[in-house]
PDB file of N, CA and C in Angstrom:
ATOM      1  N   MET A   1      48.665  42.531-101.228  1.00  0.00           N
ATOM      2  CA  MET A   1      48.746  41.664-100.079  1.00  0.00           C
ATOM      3  C   MET A   1      48.027  42.309 -98.903  1.00  0.00           C
ATOM      4  N   GLN A   2      47.165  41.559 -98.234  1.00  0.00           N
ATOM      5  CA  GLN A   2      46.383  42.094 -97.127  1.00  0.00           C
ATOM      6  C   GLN A   2      47.239  42.150 -95.863  1.00  0.00           C
ATOM      7  N   GLN A   3      47.162  43.254 -95.133  1.00  0.00           N
ATOM      8  CA  GLN A   3      47.893  43.419 -93.890  1.00  0.00           C
ATOM      9  C   GLN A   3      46.935  43.216 -92.731  1.00  0.00           C
ATOM     10  N   ILE A   4      47.504  42.953 -91.564  1.00  0.00           N
ATOM     11  CA  ILE A   4      46.693  42.776 -90.368  1.00  0.00           C
ATOM     12  C   ILE A   4      45.804  43.982 -90.129  1.00  0.00           C
ATOM     13  N   SER A   5      46.336  45.174 -90.379  1.00  0.00           N
ATOM     14  CA  SER A   5      45.575  46.394 -90.117  1.00  0.00           C
ATOM     15  C   SER A   5      44.356  46.536 -91.026  1.00  0.00           C
ATOM     16  N   ASP A   6      44.271  45.718 -92.085  1.00  0.00           N
ATOM     17  CA  ASP A   6      43.131  45.773 -92.998  1.00  0.00           C
ATOM     18  C   ASP A   6      41.960  44.909 -92.512  1.00  0.00           C
ATOM     19  N   LEU A   7      42.194  44.065 -91.519  1.00  0.00           N
ATOM     20  CA  LEU A   7      41.162  43.163 -91.013  1.00  0.00           C
ATOM     21  C   LEU A   7      40.450  43.789 -89.822  1.00  0.00           C
ATOM     22  N   PRO A   8      39.189  43.363 -89.536  1.00  0.00           N
ATOM     23  CA  PRO A   8      38.510  43.884 -88.343  1.00  0.00           C
ATOM     24  C   PRO A   8      39.227  43.411 -87.076  1.00  0.00           C
ATOM     25  N   PRO A   9      39.351  44.261 -86.045  1.00  0.00           N
ATOM     26  CA  PRO A   9      40.121  43.929 -84.841  1.00  0.00           C
ATOM     27  C   PRO A   9      39.715  42.614 -84.185  1.00  0.00           C
ATOM     28  N   GLN A  10      38.426  42.307 -84.151  1.00  0.00           N
ATOM     29  CA  GLN A  10      37.982  41.094 -83.488  1.00  0.00           C
ATOM     30  C   GLN A  10      38.408  39.826 -84.223  1.00  0.00           C
ATOM     31  N   ALA A  11      38.869  39.949 -85.469  1.00  0.00           N
ATOM     32  CA  ALA A  11      39.285  38.792 -86.262  1.00  0.00           C
ATOM     33  C   ALA A  11      40.773  38.490 -86.106  1.00  0.00           C
ATOM     34  N   ILE A  12      41.485  39.264 -85.306  1.00  0.00           N
ATOM     35  CA  ILE A  12      42.933  39.135 -85.210  1.00  0.00           C
ATOM     36  C   ILE A  12      43.337  38.865 -83.762  1.00  0.00           C
ATOM     37  N   ALA A  13      44.220  37.888 -83.577  1.00  0.00           N
ATOM     38  CA  ALA A  13      44.751  37.616 -82.242  1.00  0.00           C
ATOM     39  C   ALA A  13      45.575  38.811 -81.775  1.00  0.00           C
ATOM     40  N   PRO A  14      45.450  39.212 -80.513  1.00  0.00           N
ATOM     41  CA  PRO A  14      46.178  40.392 -80.016  1.00  0.00           C
ATOM     42  C   PRO A  14      47.685  40.311 -80.234  1.00  0.00           C
ATOM     43  N   GLU A  15      48.274  39.119 -80.108  1.00  0.00           N
ATOM     44  CA  GLU A  15      49.724  39.023 -80.278  1.00  0.00           C
ATOM     45  C   GLU A  15      50.158  39.351 -81.711  1.00  0.00           C
ATOM     46  N   LYS A  16      49.294  39.074 -82.690  1.00  0.00           N
ATOM     47  CA  LYS A  16      49.622  39.426 -84.076  1.00  0.00           C
ATOM     48  C   LYS A  16      49.597  40.937 -84.282  1.00  0.00           C
ATOM     49  N   ILE A  17      48.640  41.603 -83.643  1.00  0.00           N
ATOM     50  CA  ILE A  17      48.578  43.067 -83.721  1.00  0.00           C
ATOM     51  C   ILE A  17      49.814  43.672 -83.071  1.00  0.00           C
ATOM     52  N   VAL A  18      50.204  43.126 -81.914  1.00  0.00           N
ATOM     53  CA  VAL A  18      51.380  43.633 -81.203  1.00  0.00           C
ATOM     54  C   VAL A  18      52.643  43.426 -82.035  1.00  0.00           C
ATOM     55  N   ILE A  19      52.787  42.267 -82.668  1.00  0.00           N
ATOM     56  CA  ILE A  19      53.963  42.001 -83.495  1.00  0.00           C
ATOM     57  C   ILE A  19      54.031  42.988 -84.660  1.00  0.00           C
ATOM     58  N   GLU A  20      52.891  43.241 -85.318  1.00  0.00           N
ATOM     59  CA  GLU A  20      52.897  44.222 -86.410  1.00  0.00           C
ATOM     60  C   GLU A  20      53.246  45.608 -85.889  1.00  0.00           C
ATOM     61  N   ALA A  21      52.700  45.972 -84.734  1.00  0.00           N
ATOM     62  CA  ALA A  21      52.986  47.290 -84.157  1.00  0.00           C
ATOM     63  C   ALA A  21      54.469  47.442 -83.822  1.00  0.00           C
ATOM     64  N   ILE A  22      55.070  46.390 -83.291  1.00  0.00           N
ATOM     65  CA  ILE A  22      56.503  46.439 -82.973  1.00  0.00           C
ATOM     66  C   ILE A  22      57.310  46.551 -84.265  1.00  0.00           C
ATOM     67  N   ALA A  23      56.996  45.707 -85.239  1.00  0.00           N
ATOM     68  CA  ALA A  23      57.748  45.686 -86.498  1.00  0.00           C
ATOM     69  C   ALA A  23      57.666  47.017 -87.239  1.00  0.00           C
ATOM     70  N   ARG A  24      56.489  47.631 -87.214  1.00  0.00           N
ATOM     71  CA  ARG A  24      56.276  48.877 -87.966  1.00  0.00           C
ATOM     72  C   ARG A  24      56.381  50.115 -87.087  1.00  0.00           C
ATOM     73  N   GLN A  25      56.681  49.917 -85.799  1.00  0.00           N
ATOM     74  CA  GLN A  25      56.764  50.994 -84.806  1.00  0.00           C
ATOM     75  C   GLN A  25      55.518  51.869 -84.863  1.00  0.00           C
ATOM     76  N   ARG A  26      54.382  51.222 -84.645  1.00  0.00           N
ATOM     77  CA  ARG A  26      53.084  51.906 -84.643  1.00  0.00           C
ATOM     78  C   ARG A  26      52.446  51.772 -83.265  1.00  0.00           C
ATOM     79  N   LEU A  27      51.684  52.771 -82.874  1.00  0.00           N
ATOM     80  CA  LEU A  27      50.967  52.746 -81.600  1.00  0.00           C
ATOM     81  C   LEU A  27      49.810  51.757 -81.661  1.00  0.00           C
ATOM     82  N   ILE A  28      49.410  51.278 -80.491  1.00  0.00           N
ATOM     83  CA  ILE A  28      48.199  50.463 -80.359  1.00  0.00           C
ATOM     84  C   ILE A  28      47.309  51.094 -79.296  1.00  0.00           C
ATOM     85  N   CYS A  29      46.013  50.806 -79.388  1.00  0.00           N
ATOM     86  CA  CYS A  29      45.051  51.158 -78.348  1.00  0.00           C
ATOM     87  C   CYS A  29      44.569  49.856 -77.734  1.00  0.00           C
ATOM     88  N   ALA A  30      44.301  49.879 -76.461  1.00  0.00           N
ATOM     89  CA  ALA A  30      43.777  48.688 -75.789  1.00  0.00           C
ATOM     90  C   ALA A  30      43.182  49.101 -74.446  1.00  0.00           C
ATOM     91  N   ARG A  31      42.328  48.243 -73.928  1.00  0.00           N
ATOM     92  CA  ARG A  31      41.807  48.427 -72.577  1.00  0.00           C
ATOM     93  C   ARG A  31      42.633  47.536 -71.655  1.00  0.00           C
ATOM     94  N   TYR A  32      43.065  48.103 -70.525  1.00  0.00           N
ATOM     95  CA  TYR A  32      43.840  47.364 -69.533  1.00  0.00           C
ATOM     96  C   TYR A  32      43.325  47.762 -68.166  1.00  0.00           C
ATOM     97  N   ASN A  33      42.864  46.800 -67.401  1.00  0.00           N
ATOM     98  CA  ASN A  33      42.269  47.068 -66.083  1.00  0.00           C
ATOM     99  C   ASN A  33      41.185  48.134 -66.165  1.00  0.00           C
ATOM    100  N   GLY A  34      40.382  48.085 -67.223  1.00  0.00           N
ATOM    101  CA  GLY A  34      39.255  48.988 -67.381  1.00  0.00           C
ATOM    102  C   GLY A  34      39.578  50.347 -67.955  1.00  0.00           C
ATOM    103  N   ALA A  35      40.853  50.638 -68.191  1.00  0.00           N
ATOM    104  CA  ALA A  35      41.242  51.952 -68.719  1.00  0.00           C
ATOM    105  C   ALA A  35      41.694  51.818 -70.171  1.00  0.00           C
ATOM    106  N   GLU A  36      41.290  52.793 -70.988  1.00  0.00           N
ATOM    107  CA  GLU A  36      41.740  52.841 -72.381  1.00  0.00           C
ATOM    108  C   GLU A  36      43.158  53.404 -72.395  1.00  0.00           C
ATOM    109  N   MET A  37      44.064  52.701 -73.070  1.00  0.00           N
ATOM    110  CA  MET A  37      45.463  53.107 -73.101  1.00  0.00           C
ATOM    111  C   MET A  37      45.950  53.220 -74.542  1.00  0.00           C
ATOM    112  N   VAL A  38      46.903  54.098 -74.760  1.00  0.00           N
ATOM    113  CA  VAL A  38      47.616  54.218 -76.034  1.00  0.00           C
ATOM    114  C   VAL A  38      49.050  53.802 -75.725  1.00  0.00           C
ATOM    115  N   LEU A  39      49.479  52.707 -76.350  1.00  0.00           N
ATOM    116  CA  LEU A  39      50.778  52.124 -76.022  1.00  0.00           C
ATOM    117  C   LEU A  39      51.706  52.087 -77.228  1.00  0.00           C
ATOM    118  N   ALA A  40      52.983  52.268 -76.961  1.00  0.00           N
ATOM    119  CA  ALA A  40      54.040  52.123 -77.968  1.00  0.00           C
ATOM    120  C   ALA A  40      54.802  50.847 -77.599  1.00  0.00           C
ATOM    121  N   PRO A  41      54.415  49.710 -78.179  1.00  0.00           N
ATOM    122  CA  PRO A  41      55.041  48.445 -77.781  1.00  0.00           C
ATOM    123  C   PRO A  41      56.468  48.316 -78.299  1.00  0.00           C
ATOM    124  N   HIS A  42      57.382  48.031 -77.393  1.00  0.00           N
ATOM    125  CA  HIS A  42      58.794  47.888 -77.736  1.00  0.00           C
ATOM    126  C   HIS A  42      59.216  46.420 -77.811  1.00  0.00           C
ATOM    127  N   MET A  43      58.572  45.545 -77.010  1.00  0.00           N
ATOM    128  CA  MET A  43      59.004  44.158 -76.940  1.00  0.00           C
ATOM    129  C   MET A  43      57.842  43.244 -76.565  1.00  0.00           C
ATOM    130  N   LEU A  44      57.812  42.073 -77.187  1.00  0.00           N
ATOM    131  CA  LEU A  44      56.914  40.981 -76.808  1.00  0.00           C
ATOM    132  C   LEU A  44      57.803  39.934 -76.155  1.00  0.00           C
ATOM    133  N   PHE A  45      57.447  39.500 -74.942  1.00  0.00           N
ATOM    134  CA  PHE A  45      58.272  38.503 -74.261  1.00  0.00           C
ATOM    135  C   PHE A  45      57.415  37.497 -73.517  1.00  0.00           C
ATOM    136  N   MET A  46      58.047  36.377 -73.158  1.00  0.00           N
ATOM    137  CA  MET A  46      57.377  35.292 -72.447  1.00  0.00           C
ATOM    138  C   MET A  46      57.889  35.272 -71.017  1.00  0.00           C
ATOM    139  N   ARG A  47      56.938  35.162 -70.079  1.00  0.00           N
ATOM    140  CA  ARG A  47      57.274  35.041 -68.656  1.00  0.00           C
ATOM    141  C   ARG A  47      56.425  33.920 -68.080  1.00  0.00           C
ATOM    142  N   HIS A  48      57.057  32.870 -67.636  1.00  0.00           N
ATOM    143  CA  HIS A  48      56.362  31.718 -67.026  1.00  0.00           C
ATOM    144  C   HIS A  48      55.228  31.206 -67.902  1.00  0.00           C
ATOM    145  N   GLY A  49      55.461  31.159 -69.213  1.00  0.00           N
ATOM    146  CA  GLY A  49      54.475  30.630 -70.154  1.00  0.00           C
ATOM    147  C   GLY A  49      53.404  31.609 -70.595  1.00  0.00           C
ATOM    148  N   ASP A  50      53.452  32.850 -70.107  1.00  0.00           N
ATOM    149  CA  ASP A  50      52.469  33.869 -70.491  1.00  0.00           C
ATOM    150  C   ASP A  50      53.150  34.947 -71.335  1.00  0.00           C
ATOM    151  N   LEU A  51      52.388  35.500 -72.299  1.00  0.00           N
ATOM    152  CA  LEU A  51      52.901  36.584 -73.141  1.00  0.00           C
ATOM    153  C   LEU A  51      52.721  37.930 -72.447  1.00  0.00           C
ATOM    154  N   TYR A  52      53.749  38.766 -72.546  1.00  0.00           N
ATOM    155  CA  TYR A  52      53.744  40.121 -72.004  1.00  0.00           C
ATOM    156  C   TYR A  52      54.280  41.064 -73.072  1.00  0.00           C
ATOM    157  N   ILE A  53      53.947  42.348 -72.935  1.00  0.00           N
ATOM    158  CA  ILE A  53      54.586  43.357 -73.769  1.00  0.00           C
ATOM    159  C   ILE A  53      55.227  44.411 -72.857  1.00  0.00           C
ATOM    160  N   SER A  54      56.353  44.918 -73.317  1.00  0.00           N
ATOM    161  CA  SER A  54      56.966  46.096 -72.707  1.00  0.00           C
ATOM    162  C   SER A  54      56.563  47.251 -73.609  1.00  0.00           C
ATOM    163  N   ALA A  55      55.877  48.223 -73.039  1.00  0.00           N
ATOM    164  CA  ALA A  55      55.349  49.319 -73.848  1.00  0.00           C
ATOM    165  C   ALA A  55      55.387  50.630 -73.074  1.00  0.00           C
ATOM    166  N   PHE A  56      55.576  51.687 -73.821  1.00  0.00           N
ATOM    167  CA  PHE A  56      55.521  53.037 -73.291  1.00  0.00           C
ATOM    168  C   PHE A  56      54.075  53.511 -73.371  1.00  0.00           C
ATOM    169  N   ASN A  57      53.544  54.033 -72.284  1.00  0.00           N
ATOM    170  CA  ASN A  57      52.186  54.553 -72.251  1.00  0.00           C
ATOM    171  C   ASN A  57      52.204  55.984 -72.804  1.00  0.00           C
ATOM    172  N   ALA A  58      51.871  56.107 -74.083  1.00  0.00           N
ATOM    173  CA  ALA A  58      51.951  57.396 -74.772  1.00  0.00           C
ATOM    174  C   ALA A  58      50.886  58.386 -74.310  1.00  0.00           C
ATOM    175  N   ALA A  59      49.822  57.906 -73.684  1.00  0.00           N
ATOM    176  CA  ALA A  59      48.734  58.790 -73.253  1.00  0.00           C
ATOM    177  C   ALA A  59      48.969  59.348 -71.848  1.00  0.00           C
ATOM    178  N   LYS A  60      49.944  58.807 -71.144  1.00  0.00           N
ATOM    179  CA  LYS A  60      50.209  59.261 -69.777  1.00  0.00           C
ATOM    180  C   LYS A  60      50.904  60.614 -69.798  1.00  0.00           C
ATOM    181  N   ASN A  61      50.546  61.472 -68.858  1.00  0.00           N
ATOM    182  CA  ASN A  61      51.202  62.776 -68.716  1.00  0.00           C
ATOM    183  C   ASN A  61      52.454  62.604 -67.865  1.00  0.00           C
ATOM    184  N   TRP A  62      53.602  62.592 -68.529  1.00  0.00           N
ATOM    185  CA  TRP A  62      54.881  62.462 -67.834  1.00  0.00           C
ATOM    186  C   TRP A  62      55.380  63.856 -67.466  1.00  0.00           C
ATOM    187  N   ARG A  63      55.988  63.983 -66.309  1.00  0.00           N
ATOM    188  CA  ARG A  63      56.488  65.287 -65.868  1.00  0.00           C
ATOM    189  C   ARG A  63      57.697  65.745 -66.675  1.00  0.00           C
ATOM    190  N   SER A  64      58.484  64.783 -67.157  1.00  0.00           N
ATOM    191  CA  SER A  64      59.666  65.145 -67.948  1.00  0.00           C
ATOM    192  C   SER A  64      59.980  64.012 -68.920  1.00  0.00           C
ATOM    193  N   LEU A  65      60.774  64.320 -69.936  1.00  0.00           N
ATOM    194  CA  LEU A  65      61.190  63.298 -70.898  1.00  0.00           C
ATOM    195  C   LEU A  65      62.021  62.215 -70.215  1.00  0.00           C
ATOM    196  N   GLU A  66      62.811  62.592 -69.218  1.00  0.00           N
ATOM    197  CA  GLU A  66      63.655  61.639 -68.518  1.00  0.00           C
ATOM    198  C   GLU A  66      62.842  60.648 -67.686  1.00  0.00           C
ATOM    199  N   GLU A  67      61.633  61.026 -67.300  1.00  0.00           N
ATOM    200  CA  GLU A  67      60.800  60.167 -66.465  1.00  0.00           C
ATOM    201  C   GLU A  67      60.143  59.033 -67.263  1.00  0.00           C
ATOM    202  N   ARG A  68      60.025  59.200 -68.570  1.00  0.00           N
ATOM    203  CA  ARG A  68      59.338  58.210 -69.399  1.00  0.00           C
ATOM    204  C   ARG A  68      60.039  56.861 -69.308  1.00  0.00           C
ATOM    205  N   ARG A  69      59.230  55.792 -69.190  1.00  0.00           N
ATOM    206  CA  ARG A  69      59.780  54.446 -69.100  1.00  0.00           C
ATOM    207  C   ARG A  69      58.751  53.440 -69.592  1.00  0.00           C
ATOM    208  N   LEU A  70      59.215  52.229 -69.810  1.00  0.00           N
ATOM    209  CA  LEU A  70      58.343  51.154 -70.270  1.00  0.00           C
ATOM    210  C   LEU A  70      57.611  50.522 -69.099  1.00  0.00           C
ATOM    211  N   GLY A  71      56.352  50.180 -69.348  1.00  0.00           N
ATOM    212  CA  GLY A  71      55.591  49.362 -68.424  1.00  0.00           C
ATOM    213  C   GLY A  71      55.489  47.974 -69.023  1.00  0.00           C
ATOM    214  N   HIS A  72      55.141  47.000 -68.198  1.00  0.00           N
ATOM    215  CA  HIS A  72      55.043  45.621 -68.667  1.00  0.00           C
ATOM    216  C   HIS A  72      53.603  45.156 -68.443  1.00  0.00           C
ATOM    217  N   PHE A  73      52.973  44.708 -69.528  1.00  0.00           N
ATOM    218  CA  PHE A  73      51.551  44.383 -69.522  1.00  0.00           C
ATOM    219  C   PHE A  73      51.353  42.943 -69.961  1.00  0.00           C
ATOM    220  N   LYS A  74      50.601  42.193 -69.153  1.00  0.00           N
ATOM    221  CA  LYS A  74      50.257  40.822 -69.541  1.00  0.00           C
ATOM    222  C   LYS A  74      49.291  40.904 -70.714  1.00  0.00           C
ATOM    223  N   LEU A  75      49.633  40.250 -71.815  1.00  0.00           N
ATOM    224  CA  LEU A  75      48.828  40.351 -73.031  1.00  0.00           C
ATOM    225  C   LEU A  75      47.398  39.879 -72.800  1.00  0.00           C
ATOM    226  N   ALA A  76      47.213  38.868 -71.975  1.00  0.00           N
ATOM    227  CA  ALA A  76      45.866  38.358 -71.692  1.00  0.00           C
ATOM    228  C   ALA A  76      44.999  39.406 -70.984  1.00  0.00           C
ATOM    229  N   GLY A  77      45.631  40.400 -70.352  1.00  0.00           N
ATOM    230  CA  GLY A  77      44.893  41.460 -69.668  1.00  0.00           C
ATOM    231  C   GLY A  77      44.493  42.613 -70.571  1.00  0.00           C
ATOM    232  N   LEU A  78      44.980  42.614 -71.809  1.00  0.00           N
ATOM    233  CA  LEU A  78      44.615  43.648 -72.772  1.00  0.00           C
ATOM    234  C   LEU A  78      43.419  43.193 -73.586  1.00  0.00           C
ATOM    235  N   SER A  79      42.443  44.060 -73.758  1.00  0.00           N
ATOM    236  CA  SER A  79      41.283  43.731 -74.603  1.00  0.00           C
ATOM    237  C   SER A  79      41.086  44.838 -75.629  1.00  0.00           C
ATOM    238  N   GLY A  80      40.416  44.482 -76.717  1.00  0.00           N
ATOM    239  CA  GLY A  80      40.136  45.462 -77.760  1.00  0.00           C
ATOM    240  C   GLY A  80      41.391  46.045 -78.371  1.00  0.00           C
ATOM    241  N   VAL A  81      42.423  45.237 -78.541  1.00  0.00           N
ATOM    242  CA  VAL A  81      43.699  45.718 -79.077  1.00  0.00           C
ATOM    243  C   VAL A  81      43.518  46.124 -80.540  1.00  0.00           C
ATOM    244  N   ARG A  82      43.908  47.369 -80.858  1.00  0.00           N
ATOM    245  CA  ARG A  82      43.779  47.909 -82.218  1.00  0.00           C
ATOM    246  C   ARG A  82      45.055  48.636 -82.607  1.00  0.00           C
ATOM    247  N   LEU A  83      45.424  48.464 -83.856  1.00  0.00           N
ATOM    248  CA  LEU A  83      46.591  49.149 -84.409  1.00  0.00           C
ATOM    249  C   LEU A  83      46.186  50.560 -84.806  1.00  0.00           C
ATOM    250  N   ARG A  84      47.026  51.536 -84.496  1.00  0.00           N
ATOM    251  CA  ARG A  84      46.770  52.928 -84.881  1.00  0.00           C
ATOM    252  C   ARG A  84      47.687  53.318 -86.024  1.00  0.00           C
ATOM    253  N   GLU A  85      47.339  54.395 -86.691  1.00  0.00           N
ATOM    254  CA  GLU A  85      48.151  54.891 -87.808  1.00  0.00           C
ATOM    255  C   GLU A  85      49.415  55.592 -87.330  1.00  0.00           C
ATOM    256  N   GLU A  86      49.368  56.193 -86.135  1.00  0.00           N
ATOM    257  CA  GLU A  86      50.505  56.959 -85.632  1.00  0.00           C
ATOM    258  C   GLU A  86      51.675  56.042 -85.289  1.00  0.00           C
ATOM    259  N   GLY A  87      52.848  56.504 -85.658  1.00  0.00           N
ATOM    260  CA  GLY A  87      54.059  55.778 -85.336  1.00  0.00           C
ATOM    261  C   GLY A  87      54.673  56.284 -84.041  1.00  0.00           C
ATOM    262  N   PHE A  88      55.763  55.657 -83.628  1.00  0.00           N
ATOM    263  CA  PHE A  88      56.488  56.105 -82.445  1.00  0.00           C
ATOM    264  C   PHE A  88      57.985  55.880 -82.657  1.00  0.00           C
ATOM    265  N   VAL A  89      58.760  56.605 -81.885  1.00  0.00           N
ATOM    266  CA  VAL A  89      60.211  56.431 -81.861  1.00  0.00           C
ATOM    267  C   VAL A  89      60.521  55.696 -80.560  1.00  0.00           C
ATOM    268  N   PRO A  90      61.266  54.596 -80.630  1.00  0.00           N
ATOM    269  CA  PRO A  90      61.594  53.863 -79.395  1.00  0.00           C
ATOM    270  C   PRO A  90      62.294  54.755 -78.373  1.00  0.00           C
ATOM    271  N   LEU A  91      62.057  54.484 -77.108  1.00  0.00           N
ATOM    272  CA  LEU A  91      62.718  55.251 -76.052  1.00  0.00           C
ATOM    273  C   LEU A  91      64.234  55.083 -76.187  1.00  0.00           C
ATOM    274  N   PRO A  92      64.988  56.150 -75.983  1.00  0.00           N
ATOM    275  CA  PRO A  92      66.438  56.095 -76.212  1.00  0.00           C
ATOM    276  C   PRO A  92      67.180  55.104 -75.319  1.00  0.00           C
ATOM    277  N   ASP A  93      66.649  54.829 -74.138  1.00  0.00           N
ATOM    278  CA  ASP A  93      67.357  53.909 -73.241  1.00  0.00           C
ATOM    279  C   ASP A  93      66.925  52.451 -73.422  1.00  0.00           C
ATOM    280  N   PHE A  94      66.038  52.163 -74.379  1.00  0.00           N
ATOM    281  CA  PHE A  94      65.627  50.778 -74.630  1.00  0.00           C
ATOM    282  C   PHE A  94      66.772  50.030 -75.298  1.00  0.00           C
ATOM    283  N   ASP A  95      67.160  48.891 -74.720  1.00  0.00           N
ATOM    284  CA  ASP A  95      68.276  48.127 -75.272  1.00  0.00           C
ATOM    285  C   ASP A  95      67.894  46.709 -75.699  1.00  0.00           C
ATOM    286  N   GLY A  96      66.609  46.359 -75.619  1.00  0.00           N
ATOM    287  CA  GLY A  96      66.161  45.045 -76.049  1.00  0.00           C
ATOM    288  C   GLY A  96      66.324  43.959 -74.999  1.00  0.00           C
ATOM    289  N   THR A  97      66.744  44.318 -73.808  1.00  0.00           N
ATOM    290  CA  THR A  97      66.910  43.338 -72.738  1.00  0.00           C
ATOM    291  C   THR A  97      65.573  43.107 -72.037  1.00  0.00           C
ATOM    292  N   PRO A  98      65.146  41.843 -71.886  1.00  0.00           N
ATOM    293  CA  PRO A  98      63.896  41.575 -71.159  1.00  0.00           C
ATOM    294  C   PRO A  98      63.980  42.087 -69.718  1.00  0.00           C
ATOM    295  N   PRO A  99      62.819  42.401 -69.104  1.00  0.00           N
ATOM    296  CA  PRO A  99      62.814  42.991 -67.762  1.00  0.00           C
ATOM    297  C   PRO A  99      63.466  42.107 -66.692  1.00  0.00           C
ATOM    298  N   ARG A 100      63.245  40.798 -66.757  1.00  0.00           N
ATOM    299  CA  ARG A 100      63.816  39.874 -65.771  1.00  0.00           C
ATOM    300  C   ARG A 100      64.741  38.883 -66.467  1.00  0.00           C
ATOM    301  N   GLU A 101      65.673  38.366 -65.711  1.00  0.00           N
ATOM    302  CA  GLU A 101      66.656  37.443 -66.266  1.00  0.00           C
ATOM    303  C   GLU A 101      66.021  36.207 -66.897  1.00  0.00           C
ATOM    304  N   ASP A 102      64.942  35.687 -66.315  1.00  0.00           N
ATOM    305  CA  ASP A 102      64.320  34.460 -66.845  1.00  0.00           C
ATOM    306  C   ASP A 102      63.227  34.738 -67.883  1.00  0.00           C
ATOM    307  N   ASP A 103      62.979  36.007 -68.236  1.00  0.00           N
ATOM    308  CA  ASP A 103      62.036  36.329 -69.311  1.00  0.00           C
ATOM    309  C   ASP A 103      62.689  35.996 -70.650  1.00  0.00           C
ATOM    310  N   GLN A 104      61.864  35.580 -71.616  1.00  0.00           N
ATOM    311  CA  GLN A 104      62.369  35.238 -72.944  1.00  0.00           C
ATOM    312  C   GLN A 104      61.866  36.252 -73.961  1.00  0.00           C
ATOM    313  N   ASN A 105      62.783  36.989 -74.573  1.00  0.00           N
ATOM    314  CA  ASN A 105      62.446  37.971 -75.593  1.00  0.00           C
ATOM    315  C   ASN A 105      61.989  37.234 -76.848  1.00  0.00           C
ATOM    316  N   LEU A 106      60.800  37.552 -77.342  1.00  0.00           N
ATOM    317  CA  LEU A 106      60.285  36.929 -78.557  1.00  0.00           C
ATOM    318  C   LEU A 106      60.421  37.840 -79.769  1.00  0.00           C
ATOM    319  N   PHE A 107      60.221  39.137 -79.567  1.00  0.00           N
ATOM    320  CA  PHE A 107      60.277  40.084 -80.679  1.00  0.00           C
ATOM    321  C   PHE A 107      60.415  41.479 -80.097  1.00  0.00           C
ATOM    322  N   ALA A 108      61.258  42.300 -80.713  1.00  0.00           N
ATOM    323  CA  ALA A 108      61.472  43.658 -80.197  1.00  0.00           C
ATOM    324  C   ALA A 108      61.692  44.617 -81.355  1.00  0.00           C
ATOM    325  N   VAL A 109      61.503  45.907 -81.067  1.00  0.00           N
ATOM    326  CA  VAL A 109      61.757  46.921 -82.089  1.00  0.00           C
ATOM    327  C   VAL A 109      63.204  46.813 -82.534  1.00  0.00           C
ATOM    328  N   GLU A 110      63.417  47.150 -83.791  1.00  0.00           N
ATOM    329  CA  GLU A 110      64.776  47.120 -84.332  1.00  0.00           C
ATOM    330  C   GLU A 110      65.520  48.333 -83.811  1.00  0.00           C
ATOM    331  N   LEU A 111      66.669  48.074 -83.252  1.00  0.00           N
ATOM    332  CA  LEU A 111      67.491  49.140 -82.723  1.00  0.00           C
ATOM    333  C   LEU A 111      68.497  49.554 -83.789  1.00  0.00           C
ATOM    334  N   THR A 112      68.705  50.863 -83.898  1.00  0.00           N
ATOM    335  CA  THR A 112      69.600  51.387 -84.937  1.00  0.00           C
ATOM    336  C   THR A 112      70.822  52.015 -84.302  1.00  0.00           C
ATOM    337  N   GLY A 113      71.727  52.445 -85.106  1.00  0.00           N
ATOM    338  CA  GLY A 113      72.942  53.092 -84.609  1.00  0.00           C
ATOM    339  C   GLY A 113      73.899  52.064 -84.051  1.00  0.00           C
ATOM    340  N   ASN A 114      74.495  52.381 -82.911  1.00  0.00           N
ATOM    341  CA  ASN A 114      75.468  51.460 -82.335  1.00  0.00           C
ATOM    342  C   ASN A 114      74.840  50.539 -81.302  1.00  0.00           C
ATOM    343  N   ARG A 115      73.505  50.422 -81.315  1.00  0.00           N
ATOM    344  CA  ARG A 115      72.817  49.471 -80.433  1.00  0.00           C
ATOM    345  C   ARG A 115      72.419  48.280 -81.283  1.00  0.00           C
ATOM    346  N   ALA A 116      72.538  47.082 -80.750  1.00  0.00           N
ATOM    347  CA  ALA A 116      72.196  45.861 -81.494  1.00  0.00           C
ATOM    348  C   ALA A 116      70.751  45.499 -81.252  1.00  0.00           C
ATOM    349  N   ALA A 117      70.109  44.885 -82.257  1.00  0.00           N
ATOM    350  CA  ALA A 117      68.720  44.432 -82.123  1.00  0.00           C
ATOM    351  C   ALA A 117      68.675  43.223 -81.217  1.00  0.00           C
ATOM    352  N   ALA A 118      67.604  43.133 -80.448  1.00  0.00           N
ATOM    353  CA  ALA A 118      67.435  41.993 -79.545  1.00  0.00           C
ATOM    354  C   ALA A 118      66.916  40.789 -80.304  1.00  0.00           C
TER     355      ALA A 118
END
């Protein structure tokens, strides 16, 4: 069975790459506001009819582990989205709750232990 990661990036809608990355907990690369980013997507959500992702910027130099947090990126602003082989572990404080009350969670990483999946 062919997987999304087996197809050329330009042949795949970015939201499909993000969904596979969330499901398999794999990093993605993308350009956002002209900068190349390595993201660990935790959630795909809808805000006012637009798709967004909540993702940890794995390439950013964080001063401490406690400082790490999710950023929220409009999917339409990401270009050249590609799935990477490297996996990620979800941030420990991620609970699957969308950033704003009126955001609609579409898909999120599976939470284990005593945390419920969103």
